[in-house]
PDB file of N, CA and C in Angstrom:
ATOM      1  N   UNK A   1       0.817  -1.187   0.000  1.00  0.00           N
ATOM      2  CA  UNK A   1       0.000   0.000   0.000  1.00  0.00           C
ATOM      3  C   UNK A   1       0.864   1.255   0.000  1.00  0.00           C
ATOM      4  N   UNK A   2       1.854   1.309   0.880  1.00  0.00           N
ATOM      5  CA  UNK A   2       2.723   2.479   0.962  1.00  0.00           C
ATOM      6  C   UNK A   2       3.548   2.617  -0.315  1.00  0.00           C
ATOM      7  N   UNK A   3       4.068   1.511  -0.809  1.00  0.00           N
ATOM      8  CA  UNK A   3       4.887   1.547  -2.026  1.00  0.00           C
ATOM      9  C   UNK A   3       4.064   2.023  -3.211  1.00  0.00           C
ATOM     10  N   UNK A   4       2.846   1.520  -3.339  1.00  0.00           N
ATOM     11  CA  UNK A   4       1.993   1.935  -4.458  1.00  0.00           C
ATOM     12  C   UNK A   4       1.696   3.426  -4.391  1.00  0.00           C
ATOM     13  N   UNK A   5       1.435   3.925  -3.192  1.00  0.00           N
ATOM     14  CA  UNK A   5       1.147   5.360  -3.017  1.00  0.00           C
ATOM     15  C   UNK A   5       2.370   6.208  -3.373  1.00  0.00           C
ATOM     16  N   UNK A   6       3.537   5.774  -2.938  1.00  0.00           N
ATOM     17  CA  UNK A   6       4.774   6.499  -3.257  1.00  0.00           C
ATOM     18  C   UNK A   6       5.018   6.511  -4.762  1.00  0.00           C
ATOM     19  N   UNK A   7       4.761   5.385  -5.415  1.00  0.00           N
ATOM     20  CA  UNK A   7       4.927   5.296  -6.870  1.00  0.00           C
ATOM     21  C   UNK A   7       3.965   6.252  -7.575  1.00  0.00           C
ATOM     22  N   UNK A   8       2.720   6.297  -7.138  1.00  0.00           N
ATOM     23  CA  UNK A   8       1.728   7.203  -7.742  1.00  0.00           C
ATOM     24  C   UNK A   8       2.169   8.657  -7.613  1.00  0.00           C
ATOM     25  N   UNK A   9       2.646   9.027  -6.436  1.00  0.00           N
ATOM     26  CA  UNK A   9       3.097  10.401  -6.211  1.00  0.00           C
ATOM     27  C   UNK A   9       4.315  10.733  -7.069  1.00  0.00           C
ATOM     28  N   UNK A  10       5.227   9.789  -7.194  1.00  0.00           N
ATOM     29  CA  UNK A  10       6.430  10.012  -8.005  1.00  0.00           C
ATOM     30  C   UNK A  10       6.083  10.185  -9.476  1.00  0.00           C
ATOM     31  N   UNK A  11       5.150   9.390  -9.966  1.00  0.00           N
ATOM     32  CA  UNK A  11       4.756   9.483 -11.375  1.00  0.00           C
ATOM     33  C   UNK A  11       4.055  10.814 -11.645  1.00  0.00           C
ATOM     34  N   UNK A  12       3.280  11.293 -10.683  1.00  0.00           N
ATOM     35  CA  UNK A  12       2.573  12.569 -10.852  1.00  0.00           C
ATOM     36  C   UNK A  12       3.522  13.754 -10.959  1.00  0.00           C
ATOM     37  N   UNK A  13       4.582  13.731 -10.182  1.00  0.00           N
ATOM     38  CA  UNK A  13       5.537  14.847 -10.171  1.00  0.00           C
ATOM     39  C   UNK A  13       6.958  14.300 -10.041  1.00  0.00           C
ATOM     40  N   UNK A  14       7.514  13.778 -11.137  1.00  0.00           N
ATOM     41  CA  UNK A  14       8.859  13.195 -11.070  1.00  0.00           C
ATOM     42  C   UNK A  14       9.904  14.224 -10.625  1.00  0.00           C
ATOM     43  N   UNK A  15      10.642  13.892  -9.604  1.00  0.00           N
ATOM     44  CA  UNK A  15      11.680  14.779  -9.080  1.00  0.00           C
ATOM     45  C   UNK A  15      12.998  14.520  -9.803  1.00  0.00           C
ATOM     46  N   UNK A  16      13.872  15.502  -9.742  1.00  0.00           N
ATOM     47  CA  UNK A  16      15.213  15.329 -10.301  1.00  0.00           C
ATOM     48  C   UNK A  16      16.036  14.564  -9.269  1.00  0.00           C
ATOM     49  N   UNK A  17      16.714  13.513  -9.724  1.00  0.00           N
ATOM     50  CA  UNK A  17      17.600  12.728  -8.867  1.00  0.00           C
ATOM     51  C   UNK A  17      18.986  12.805  -9.482  1.00  0.00           C
ATOM     52  N   UNK A  18      19.953  13.318  -8.720  1.00  0.00           N
ATOM     53  CA  UNK A  18      21.302  13.532  -9.230  1.00  0.00           C
ATOM     54  C   UNK A  18      22.218  12.438  -8.697  1.00  0.00           C
ATOM     55  N   UNK A  19      22.918  11.765  -9.621  1.00  0.00           N
ATOM     56  CA  UNK A  19      23.828  10.675  -9.274  1.00  0.00           C
ATOM     57  C   UNK A  19      25.271  11.120  -9.510  1.00  0.00           C
ATOM     58  N   UNK A  20      26.067  11.334  -8.445  1.00  0.00           N
ATOM     59  CA  UNK A  20      27.452  11.760  -8.639  1.00  0.00           C
ATOM     60  C   UNK A  20      28.384  10.624  -9.050  1.00  0.00           C
ATOM     61  N   UNK A  21      27.999   9.397  -8.795  1.00  0.00           N
ATOM     62  CA  UNK A  21      28.840   8.233  -9.092  1.00  0.00           C
ATOM     63  C   UNK A  21      28.329   7.525 -10.340  1.00  0.00           C
ATOM     64  N   UNK A  22      28.288   8.250 -11.448  1.00  0.00           N
ATOM     65  CA  UNK A  22      27.645   7.753 -12.660  1.00  0.00           C
ATOM     66  C   UNK A  22      28.392   6.605 -13.328  1.00  0.00           C
ATOM     67  N   UNK A  23      29.677   6.456 -13.071  1.00  0.00           N
ATOM     68  CA  UNK A  23      30.437   5.384 -13.709  1.00  0.00           C
ATOM     69  C   UNK A  23      30.342   4.099 -12.889  1.00  0.00           C
ATOM     70  N   UNK A  24      29.130   3.685 -12.660  1.00  0.00           N
ATOM     71  CA  UNK A  24      28.830   2.479 -11.898  1.00  0.00           C
ATOM     72  C   UNK A  24      27.627   1.831 -12.579  1.00  0.00           C
ATOM     73  N   UNK A  25      27.749   0.569 -12.907  1.00  0.00           N
ATOM     74  CA  UNK A  25      26.688  -0.133 -13.631  1.00  0.00           C
ATOM     75  C   UNK A  25      25.358  -0.074 -12.883  1.00  0.00           C
ATOM     76  N   UNK A  26      25.402  -0.188 -11.564  1.00  0.00           N
ATOM     77  CA  UNK A  26      24.166  -0.140 -10.771  1.00  0.00           C
ATOM     78  C   UNK A  26      23.480   1.218 -10.886  1.00  0.00           C
ATOM     79  N   UNK A  27      24.283   2.273 -10.934  1.00  0.00           N
ATOM     80  CA  UNK A  27      23.734   3.626 -11.050  1.00  0.00           C
ATOM     81  C   UNK A  27      23.068   3.805 -12.406  1.00  0.00           C
ATOM     82  N   UNK A  28      23.727   3.334 -13.466  1.00  0.00           N
ATOM     83  CA  UNK A  28      23.124   3.445 -14.798  1.00  0.00           C
ATOM     84  C   UNK A  28      21.817   2.663 -14.881  1.00  0.00           C
ATOM     85  N   UNK A  29      21.793   1.483 -14.288  1.00  0.00           N
ATOM     86  CA  UNK A  29      20.552   0.696 -14.284  1.00  0.00           C
ATOM     87  C   UNK A  29      19.449   1.427 -13.523  1.00  0.00           C
ATOM     88  N   UNK A  30      19.798   1.995 -12.374  1.00  0.00           N
ATOM     89  CA  UNK A  30      18.806   2.719 -11.571  1.00  0.00           C
ATOM     90  C   UNK A  30      18.291   3.946 -12.311  1.00  0.00           C
ATOM     91  N   UNK A  31      19.195   4.700 -12.929  1.00  0.00           N
ATOM     92  CA  UNK A  31      18.793   5.898 -13.673  1.00  0.00           C
ATOM     93  C   UNK A  31      17.884   5.522 -14.834  1.00  0.00           C
ATOM     94  N   UNK A  32      18.249   4.476 -15.540  1.00  0.00           N
ATOM     95  CA  UNK A  32      17.440   4.014 -16.676  1.00  0.00           C
ATOM     96  C   UNK A  32      16.050   3.583 -16.191  1.00  0.00           C
ATOM     97  N   UNK A  33      15.996   2.837 -15.104  1.00  0.00           N
ATOM     98  CA  UNK A  33      14.722   2.372 -14.551  1.00  0.00           C
ATOM     99  C   UNK A  33      13.835   3.544 -14.138  1.00  0.00           C
ATOM    100  N   UNK A  34      14.418   4.493 -13.403  1.00  0.00           N
ATOM    101  CA  UNK A  34      13.643   5.651 -12.940  1.00  0.00           C
ATOM    102  C   UNK A  34      13.066   6.443 -14.106  1.00  0.00           C
ATOM    103  N   UNK A  35      13.880   6.603 -15.147  1.00  0.00           N
ATOM    104  CA  UNK A  35      13.408   7.356 -16.305  1.00  0.00           C
ATOM    105  C   UNK A  35      12.337   6.582 -17.072  1.00  0.00           C
ATOM    106  N   UNK A  36      12.583   5.312 -17.342  1.00  0.00           N
ATOM    107  CA  UNK A  36      11.639   4.507 -18.119  1.00  0.00           C
ATOM    108  C   UNK A  36      10.286   4.379 -17.423  1.00  0.00           C
ATOM    109  N   UNK A  37      10.294   4.301 -16.105  1.00  0.00           N
ATOM    110  CA  UNK A  37       9.045   4.178 -15.350  1.00  0.00           C
ATOM    111  C   UNK A  37       8.401   5.533 -15.068  1.00  0.00           C
ATOM    112  N   UNK A  38       9.109   6.611 -15.391  1.00  0.00           N
ATOM    113  CA  UNK A  38       8.571   7.946 -15.146  1.00  0.00           C
ATOM    114  C   UNK A  38       8.554   8.332 -13.680  1.00  0.00           C
ATOM    115  N   UNK A  39       9.395   7.690 -12.878  1.00  0.00           N
ATOM    116  CA  UNK A  39       9.419   7.947 -11.441  1.00  0.00           C
ATOM    117  C   UNK A  39      10.291   9.140 -11.064  1.00  0.00           C
ATOM    118  N   UNK A  40      11.261   9.480 -11.923  1.00  0.00           N
ATOM    119  CA  UNK A  40      12.180  10.581 -11.631  1.00  0.00           C
ATOM    120  C   UNK A  40      12.836  11.039 -12.925  1.00  0.00           C
ATOM    121  N   UNK A  41      13.508  12.194 -12.824  1.00  0.00           N
ATOM    122  CA  UNK A  41      14.303  12.718 -13.931  1.00  0.00           C
ATOM    123  C   UNK A  41      15.770  12.591 -13.517  1.00  0.00           C
ATOM    124  N   UNK A  42      16.430  11.486 -13.872  1.00  0.00           N
ATOM    125  CA  UNK A  42      17.808  11.282 -13.428  1.00  0.00           C
ATOM    126  C   UNK A  42      18.787  12.224 -14.121  1.00  0.00           C
ATOM    127  N   UNK A  43      19.784  12.643 -13.358  1.00  0.00           N
ATOM    128  CA  UNK A  43      20.884  13.458 -13.865  1.00  0.00           C
ATOM    129  C   UNK A  43      22.166  12.755 -13.445  1.00  0.00           C
ATOM    130  N   UNK A  44      23.025  12.453 -14.418  1.00  0.00           N
ATOM    131  CA  UNK A  44      24.286  11.782 -14.135  1.00  0.00           C
ATOM    132  C   UNK A  44      25.410  12.806 -14.169  1.00  0.00           C
ATOM    133  N   UNK A  45      26.250  12.818 -13.145  1.00  0.00           N
ATOM    134  CA  UNK A  45      27.376  13.741 -13.070  1.00  0.00           C
ATOM    135  C   UNK A  45      28.632  12.970 -13.439  1.00  0.00           C
ATOM    136  N   UNK A  46      29.168  13.277 -14.625  1.00  0.00           N
ATOM    137  CA  UNK A  46      30.364  12.598 -15.122  1.00  0.00           C
ATOM    138  C   UNK A  46      30.788  13.239 -16.432  1.00  0.00           C
ATOM    139  N   UNK A  47      31.972  12.896 -16.867  1.00  0.00           N
ATOM    140  CA  UNK A  47      32.399  13.299 -18.203  1.00  0.00           C
ATOM    141  C   UNK A  47      31.505  12.575 -19.203  1.00  0.00           C
ATOM    142  N   UNK A  48      30.883  13.291 -20.138  1.00  0.00           N
ATOM    143  CA  UNK A  48      30.010  12.622 -21.105  1.00  0.00           C
ATOM    144  C   UNK A  48      30.750  11.578 -21.935  1.00  0.00           C
ATOM    145  N   UNK A  49      32.023  11.841 -22.215  1.00  0.00           N
ATOM    146  CA  UNK A  49      32.805  10.907 -23.023  1.00  0.00           C
ATOM    147  C   UNK A  49      33.096   9.624 -22.249  1.00  0.00           C
ATOM    148  N   UNK A  50      33.522   9.779 -20.994  1.00  0.00           N
ATOM    149  CA  UNK A  50      33.796   8.606 -20.160  1.00  0.00           C
ATOM    150  C   UNK A  50      32.515   7.822 -19.905  1.00  0.00           C
ATOM    151  N   UNK A  51      31.425   8.530 -19.675  1.00  0.00           N
ATOM    152  CA  UNK A  51      30.152   7.866 -19.399  1.00  0.00           C
ATOM    153  C   UNK A  51      29.642   7.112 -20.620  1.00  0.00           C
ATOM    154  N   UNK A  52      29.774   7.730 -21.790  1.00  0.00           N
ATOM    155  CA  UNK A  52      29.332   7.058 -23.024  1.00  0.00           C
ATOM    156  C   UNK A  52      30.128   5.774 -23.241  1.00  0.00           C
ATOM    157  N   UNK A  53      31.450   5.856 -23.072  1.00  0.00           N
ATOM    158  CA  UNK A  53      32.302   4.676 -23.239  1.00  0.00           C
ATOM    159  C   UNK A  53      31.933   3.602 -22.216  1.00  0.00           C
ATOM    160  N   UNK A  54      31.702   4.011 -20.976  1.00  0.00           N
ATOM    161  CA  UNK A  54      31.326   3.075 -19.921  1.00  0.00           C
ATOM    162  C   UNK A  54      30.006   2.392 -20.261  1.00  0.00           C
ATOM    163  N   UNK A  55      29.026   3.180 -20.683  1.00  0.00           N
ATOM    164  CA  UNK A  55      27.709   2.627 -21.024  1.00  0.00           C
ATOM    165  C   UNK A  55      27.807   1.671 -22.207  1.00  0.00           C
ATOM    166  N   UNK A  56      28.578   2.039 -23.219  1.00  0.00           N
ATOM    167  CA  UNK A  56      28.744   1.154 -24.379  1.00  0.00           C
ATOM    168  C   UNK A  56      29.424  -0.149 -23.983  1.00  0.00           C
ATOM    169  N   UNK A  57      30.445  -0.067 -23.135  1.00  0.00           N
ATOM    170  CA  UNK A  57      31.164  -1.279 -22.732  1.00  0.00           C
ATOM    171  C   UNK A  57      30.297  -2.212 -21.887  1.00  0.00           C
ATOM    172  N   UNK A  58      29.261  -1.654 -21.246  1.00  0.00           N
ATOM    173  CA  UNK A  58      28.345  -2.471 -20.448  1.00  0.00           C
ATOM    174  C   UNK A  58      27.019  -2.719 -21.161  1.00  0.00           C
ATOM    175  N   UNK A  59      26.970  -2.327 -22.432  1.00  0.00           N
ATOM    176  CA  UNK A  59      25.764  -2.500 -23.268  1.00  0.00           C
ATOM    177  C   UNK A  59      24.519  -1.922 -22.585  1.00  0.00           C
ATOM    178  N   UNK A  60      24.657  -0.681 -22.141  1.00  0.00           N
ATOM    179  CA  UNK A  60      23.552  -0.021 -21.452  1.00  0.00           C
ATOM    180  C   UNK A  60      23.158   1.242 -22.209  1.00  0.00           C
ATOM    181  N   UNK A  61      21.870   1.516 -22.236  1.00  0.00           N
ATOM    182  CA  UNK A  61      21.359   2.709 -22.916  1.00  0.00           C
ATOM    183  C   UNK A  61      21.355   3.897 -21.966  1.00  0.00           C
ATOM    184  N   UNK A  62      21.588   5.070 -22.545  1.00  0.00           N
ATOM    185  CA  UNK A  62      21.514   6.307 -21.771  1.00  0.00           C
ATOM    186  C   UNK A  62      20.573   7.296 -22.444  1.00  0.00           C
ATOM    187  N   UNK A  63      19.754   6.824 -23.347  1.00  0.00           N
ATOM    188  CA  UNK A  63      18.879   7.691 -24.126  1.00  0.00           C
ATOM    189  C   UNK A  63      18.027   8.579 -23.234  1.00  0.00           C
ATOM    190  N   UNK A  64      18.125   9.881 -23.449  1.00  0.00           N
ATOM    191  CA  UNK A  64      17.275  10.825 -22.745  1.00  0.00           C
ATOM    192  C   UNK A  64      17.681  11.154 -21.327  1.00  0.00           C
ATOM    193  N   UNK A  65      18.752  10.571 -20.832  1.00  0.00           N
ATOM    194  CA  UNK A  65      19.201  10.863 -19.474  1.00  0.00           C
ATOM    195  C   UNK A  65      20.175  12.037 -19.534  1.00  0.00           C
ATOM    196  N   UNK A  66      19.929  13.040 -18.702  1.00  0.00           N
ATOM    197  CA  UNK A  66      20.779  14.227 -18.687  1.00  0.00           C
ATOM    198  C   UNK A  66      22.126  13.904 -18.056  1.00  0.00           C
ATOM    199  N   UNK A  67      23.193  14.398 -18.692  1.00  0.00           N
ATOM    200  CA  UNK A  67      24.553  14.213 -18.187  1.00  0.00           C
ATOM    201  C   UNK A  67      25.172  15.595 -17.997  1.00  0.00           C
ATOM    202  N   UNK A  68      25.758  15.821 -16.834  1.00  0.00           N
ATOM    203  CA  UNK A  68      26.428  17.086 -16.549  1.00  0.00           C
ATOM    204  C   UNK A  68      27.877  16.793 -16.183  1.00  0.00           C
ATOM    205  N   UNK A  69      28.792  17.487 -16.855  1.00  0.00           N
ATOM    206  CA  UNK A  69      30.221  17.364 -16.567  1.00  0.00           C
ATOM    207  C   UNK A  69      30.638  18.543 -15.688  1.00  0.00           C
ATOM    208  N   UNK A  70      30.938  18.302 -14.409  1.00  0.00           N
ATOM    209  CA  UNK A  70      31.269  19.416 -13.521  1.00  0.00           C
ATOM    210  C   UNK A  70      32.615  20.063 -13.833  1.00  0.00           C
ATOM    211  N   UNK A  71      33.443  19.411 -14.635  1.00  0.00           N
ATOM    212  CA  UNK A  71      34.769  19.947 -14.945  1.00  0.00           C
ATOM    213  C   UNK A  71      34.794  20.807 -16.198  1.00  0.00           C
ATOM    214  N   UNK A  72      33.800  20.673 -17.054  1.00  0.00           N
ATOM    215  CA  UNK A  72      33.902  21.275 -18.379  1.00  0.00           C
ATOM    216  C   UNK A  72      33.497  22.736 -18.448  1.00  0.00           C
ATOM    217  N   UNK A  73      32.691  23.214 -17.542  1.00  0.00           N
ATOM    218  CA  UNK A  73      32.119  24.538 -17.714  1.00  0.00           C
ATOM    219  C   UNK A  73      32.244  25.350 -16.423  1.00  0.00           C
ATOM    220  N   UNK A  74      33.237  26.230 -16.394  1.00  0.00           N
ATOM    221  CA  UNK A  74      33.471  27.040 -15.201  1.00  0.00           C
ATOM    222  C   UNK A  74      32.295  27.968 -14.920  1.00  0.00           C
ATOM    223  N   UNK A  75      31.704  28.544 -15.958  1.00  0.00           N
ATOM    224  CA  UNK A  75      30.592  29.473 -15.725  1.00  0.00           C
ATOM    225  C   UNK A  75      29.391  28.746 -15.123  1.00  0.00           C
ATOM    226  N   UNK A  76      29.179  27.477 -15.513  1.00  0.00           N
ATOM    227  CA  UNK A  76      28.083  26.704 -14.921  1.00  0.00           C
ATOM    228  C   UNK A  76      28.373  26.453 -13.447  1.00  0.00           C
ATOM    229  N   UNK A  77      29.617  26.099 -13.123  1.00  0.00           N
ATOM    230  CA  UNK A  77      29.980  25.870 -11.721  1.00  0.00           C
ATOM    231  C   UNK A  77      29.793  27.144 -10.910  1.00  0.00           C
ATOM    232  N   UNK A  78      30.110  28.300 -11.501  1.00  0.00           N
ATOM    233  CA  UNK A  78      29.932  29.567 -10.792  1.00  0.00           C
ATOM    234  C   UNK A  78      28.454  29.845 -10.529  1.00  0.00           C
ATOM    235  N   UNK A  79      27.598  29.577 -11.518  1.00  0.00           N
ATOM    236  CA  UNK A  79      26.157  29.788 -11.324  1.00  0.00           C
ATOM    237  C   UNK A  79      25.607  28.850 -10.254  1.00  0.00           C
ATOM    238  N   UNK A  80      26.040  27.590 -10.303  1.00  0.00           N
ATOM    239  CA  UNK A  80      25.589  26.624  -9.296  1.00  0.00           C
ATOM    240  C   UNK A  80      26.063  27.066  -7.915  1.00  0.00           C
ATOM    241  N   UNK A  81      27.310  27.534  -7.812  1.00  0.00           N
ATOM    242  CA  UNK A  81      27.840  27.998  -6.525  1.00  0.00           C
ATOM    243  C   UNK A  81      27.044  29.189  -6.010  1.00  0.00           C
ATOM    244  N   UNK A  82      26.688  30.110  -6.893  1.00  0.00           N
ATOM    245  CA  UNK A  82      25.907  31.275  -6.475  1.00  0.00           C
ATOM    246  C   UNK A  82      24.537  30.863  -5.945  1.00  0.00           C
ATOM    247  N   UNK A  83      23.856  29.967  -6.671  1.00  0.00           N
ATOM    248  CA  UNK A  83      22.530  29.509  -6.217  1.00  0.00           C
ATOM    249  C   UNK A  83      22.641  28.754  -4.899  1.00  0.00           C
ATOM    250  N   UNK A  84      23.656  27.903  -4.805  1.00  0.00           N
ATOM    251  CA  UNK A  84      23.861  27.080  -3.622  1.00  0.00           C
ATOM    252  C   UNK A  84      24.079  27.955  -2.394  1.00  0.00           C
ATOM    253  N   UNK A  85      24.972  28.921  -2.512  1.00  0.00           N
ATOM    254  CA  UNK A  85      25.274  29.778  -1.373  1.00  0.00           C
ATOM    255  C   UNK A  85      24.152  30.766  -1.088  1.00  0.00           C
ATOM    256  N   UNK A  86      23.422  31.183  -2.112  1.00  0.00           N
ATOM    257  CA  UNK A  86      22.290  32.088  -1.899  1.00  0.00           C
ATOM    258  C   UNK A  86      21.232  31.415  -1.033  1.00  0.00           C
ATOM    259  N   UNK A  87      21.029  30.117  -1.242  1.00  0.00           N
ATOM    260  CA  UNK A  87      20.065  29.388  -0.408  1.00  0.00           C
ATOM    261  C   UNK A  87      20.524  29.363   1.046  1.00  0.00           C
ATOM    262  N   UNK A  88      21.849  29.404   1.239  1.00  0.00           N
ATOM    263  CA  UNK A  88      22.391  29.399   2.600  1.00  0.00           C
ATOM    264  C   UNK A  88      22.487  30.814   3.166  1.00  0.00           C
ATOM    265  N   UNK A  89      22.131  31.827   2.347  1.00  0.00           N
ATOM    266  CA  UNK A  89      22.164  33.208   2.807  1.00  0.00           C
ATOM    267  C   UNK A  89      23.556  33.808   2.838  1.00  0.00           C
ATOM    268  N   UNK A  90      24.450  33.298   2.014  1.00  0.00           N
ATOM    269  CA  UNK A  90      25.822  33.798   1.995  1.00  0.00           C
ATOM    270  C   UNK A  90      26.128  34.430   0.642  1.00  0.00           C
ATOM    271  N   UNK A  91      27.215  35.197   0.607  1.00  0.00           N
ATOM    272  CA  UNK A  91      27.694  35.700  -0.678  1.00  0.00           C
ATOM    273  C   UNK A  91      28.557  34.625  -1.314  1.00  0.00           C
ATOM    274  N   UNK A  92      28.916  34.811  -2.561  1.00  0.00           N
ATOM    275  CA  UNK A  92      29.661  33.781  -3.283  1.00  0.00           C
ATOM    276  C   UNK A  92      31.149  34.115  -3.334  1.00  0.00           C
ATOM    277  N   UNK A  93      31.938  33.560  -2.430  1.00  0.00           N
ATOM    278  CA  UNK A  93      33.379  33.768  -2.537  1.00  0.00           C
ATOM    279  C   UNK A  93      33.943  32.888  -3.657  1.00  0.00           C
ATOM    280  N   UNK A  94      35.056  33.311  -4.268  1.00  0.00           N
ATOM    281  CA  UNK A  94      35.645  32.494  -5.338  1.00  0.00           C
ATOM    282  C   UNK A  94      35.956  31.071  -4.885  1.00  0.00           C
ATOM    283  N   UNK A  95      36.238  30.882  -3.607  1.00  0.00           N
ATOM    284  CA  UNK A  95      36.575  29.550  -3.101  1.00  0.00           C
ATOM    285  C   UNK A  95      35.392  28.589  -3.156  1.00  0.00           C
ATOM    286  N   UNK A  96      34.182  29.091  -3.338  1.00  0.00           N
ATOM    287  CA  UNK A  96      33.008  28.213  -3.383  1.00  0.00           C
ATOM    288  C   UNK A  96      32.924  27.445  -4.686  1.00  0.00           C
ATOM    289  N   UNK A  97      33.595  27.925  -5.726  1.00  0.00           N
ATOM    290  CA  UNK A  97      33.505  27.282  -7.037  1.00  0.00           C
ATOM    291  C   UNK A  97      34.357  26.020  -7.095  1.00  0.00           C
ATOM    292  N   UNK A  98      35.539  26.039  -6.505  1.00  0.00           N
ATOM    293  CA  UNK A  98      36.473  24.919  -6.615  1.00  0.00           C
ATOM    294  C   UNK A  98      35.928  23.611  -6.045  1.00  0.00           C
ATOM    295  N   UNK A  99      35.263  23.603  -4.875  1.00  0.00           N
ATOM    296  CA  UNK A  99      34.731  22.325  -4.378  1.00  0.00           C
ATOM    297  C   UNK A  99      33.726  21.678  -5.331  1.00  0.00           C
ATOM    298  N   UNK A 100      33.139  22.473  -6.219  1.00  0.00           N
ATOM    299  CA  UNK A 100      32.151  21.921  -7.144  1.00  0.00           C
ATOM    300  C   UNK A 100      32.794  21.106  -8.253  1.00  0.00           C
ATOM    301  N   UNK A 101      34.128  21.006  -8.260  1.00  0.00           N
ATOM    302  CA  UNK A 101      34.807  20.102  -9.192  1.00  0.00           C
ATOM    303  C   UNK A 101      34.624  18.657  -8.750  1.00  0.00           C
ATOM    304  N   UNK A 102      34.348  18.463  -7.472  1.00  0.00           N
ATOM    305  CA  UNK A 102      34.091  17.123  -6.949  1.00  0.00           C
ATOM    306  C   UNK A 102      32.672  16.718  -7.334  1.00  0.00           C
ATOM    307  N   UNK A 103      32.496  15.560  -7.998  1.00  0.00           N
ATOM    308  CA  UNK A 103      31.154  15.154  -8.431  1.00  0.00           C
ATOM    309  C   UNK A 103      30.138  15.068  -7.301  1.00  0.00           C
ATOM    310  N   UNK A 104      30.559  14.649  -6.127  1.00  0.00           N
ATOM    311  CA  UNK A 104      29.626  14.552  -5.003  1.00  0.00           C
ATOM    312  C   UNK A 104      29.134  15.909  -4.545  1.00  0.00           C
ATOM    313  N   UNK A 105      30.046  16.862  -4.430  1.00  0.00           N
ATOM    314  CA  UNK A 105      29.663  18.221  -4.042  1.00  0.00           C
ATOM    315  C   UNK A 105      28.791  18.862  -5.114  1.00  0.00           C
ATOM    316  N   UNK A 106      29.158  18.636  -6.370  1.00  0.00           N
ATOM    317  CA  UNK A 106      28.391  19.208  -7.475  1.00  0.00           C
ATOM    318  C   UNK A 106      26.970  18.648  -7.474  1.00  0.00           C
ATOM    319  N   UNK A 107      26.856  17.338  -7.288  1.00  0.00           N
ATOM    320  CA  UNK A 107      25.534  16.702  -7.272  1.00  0.00           C
ATOM    321  C   UNK A 107      24.686  17.244  -6.124  1.00  0.00           C
ATOM    322  N   UNK A 108      25.303  17.443  -4.961  1.00  0.00           N
ATOM    323  CA  UNK A 108      24.562  17.988  -3.817  1.00  0.00           C
ATOM    324  C   UNK A 108      24.070  19.397  -4.114  1.00  0.00           C
ATOM    325  N   UNK A 109      24.911  20.191  -4.767  1.00  0.00           N
ATOM    326  CA  UNK A 109      24.526  21.565  -5.092  1.00  0.00           C
ATOM    327  C   UNK A 109      23.430  21.601  -6.145  1.00  0.00           C
ATOM    328  N   UNK A 110      23.533  20.756  -7.153  1.00  0.00           N
ATOM    329  CA  UNK A 110      22.538  20.731  -8.230  1.00  0.00           C
ATOM    330  C   UNK A 110      21.204  20.205  -7.716  1.00  0.00           C
ATOM    331  N   UNK A 111      21.268  19.194  -6.862  1.00  0.00           N
ATOM    332  CA  UNK A 111      20.031  18.586  -6.358  1.00  0.00           C
ATOM    333  C   UNK A 111      19.271  19.541  -5.453  1.00  0.00           C
ATOM    334  N   UNK A 112      19.984  20.437  -4.809  1.00  0.00           N
ATOM    335  CA  UNK A 112      19.308  21.416  -3.954  1.00  0.00           C
ATOM    336  C   UNK A 112      19.148  20.898  -2.581  1.00  0.00           C
TER     337      UNK A 112
END
């Protein structure tokens, strides 16, 4: 009963789920399942090139799953840092951008 209710609520308003450890077969399977069932909007944090190669080597599909590379775009990291710190009521020091190079920190900031 509880599981069915949770599934109904998830399908009605799929939340974004951010996975910082995208180069893991279990994570790709979970992201694919969540997307295919309409339970969530998965976001994988990884190099798109490394992730594509990983998915191909494991014969896994990534169709329609959003991939964000925290290393490739400094301006994106700066925007994420500004939003992240604004929620905490702080100003954005330059030092806030560097921790977002870590996939776990980036995923936490993106997920909100």
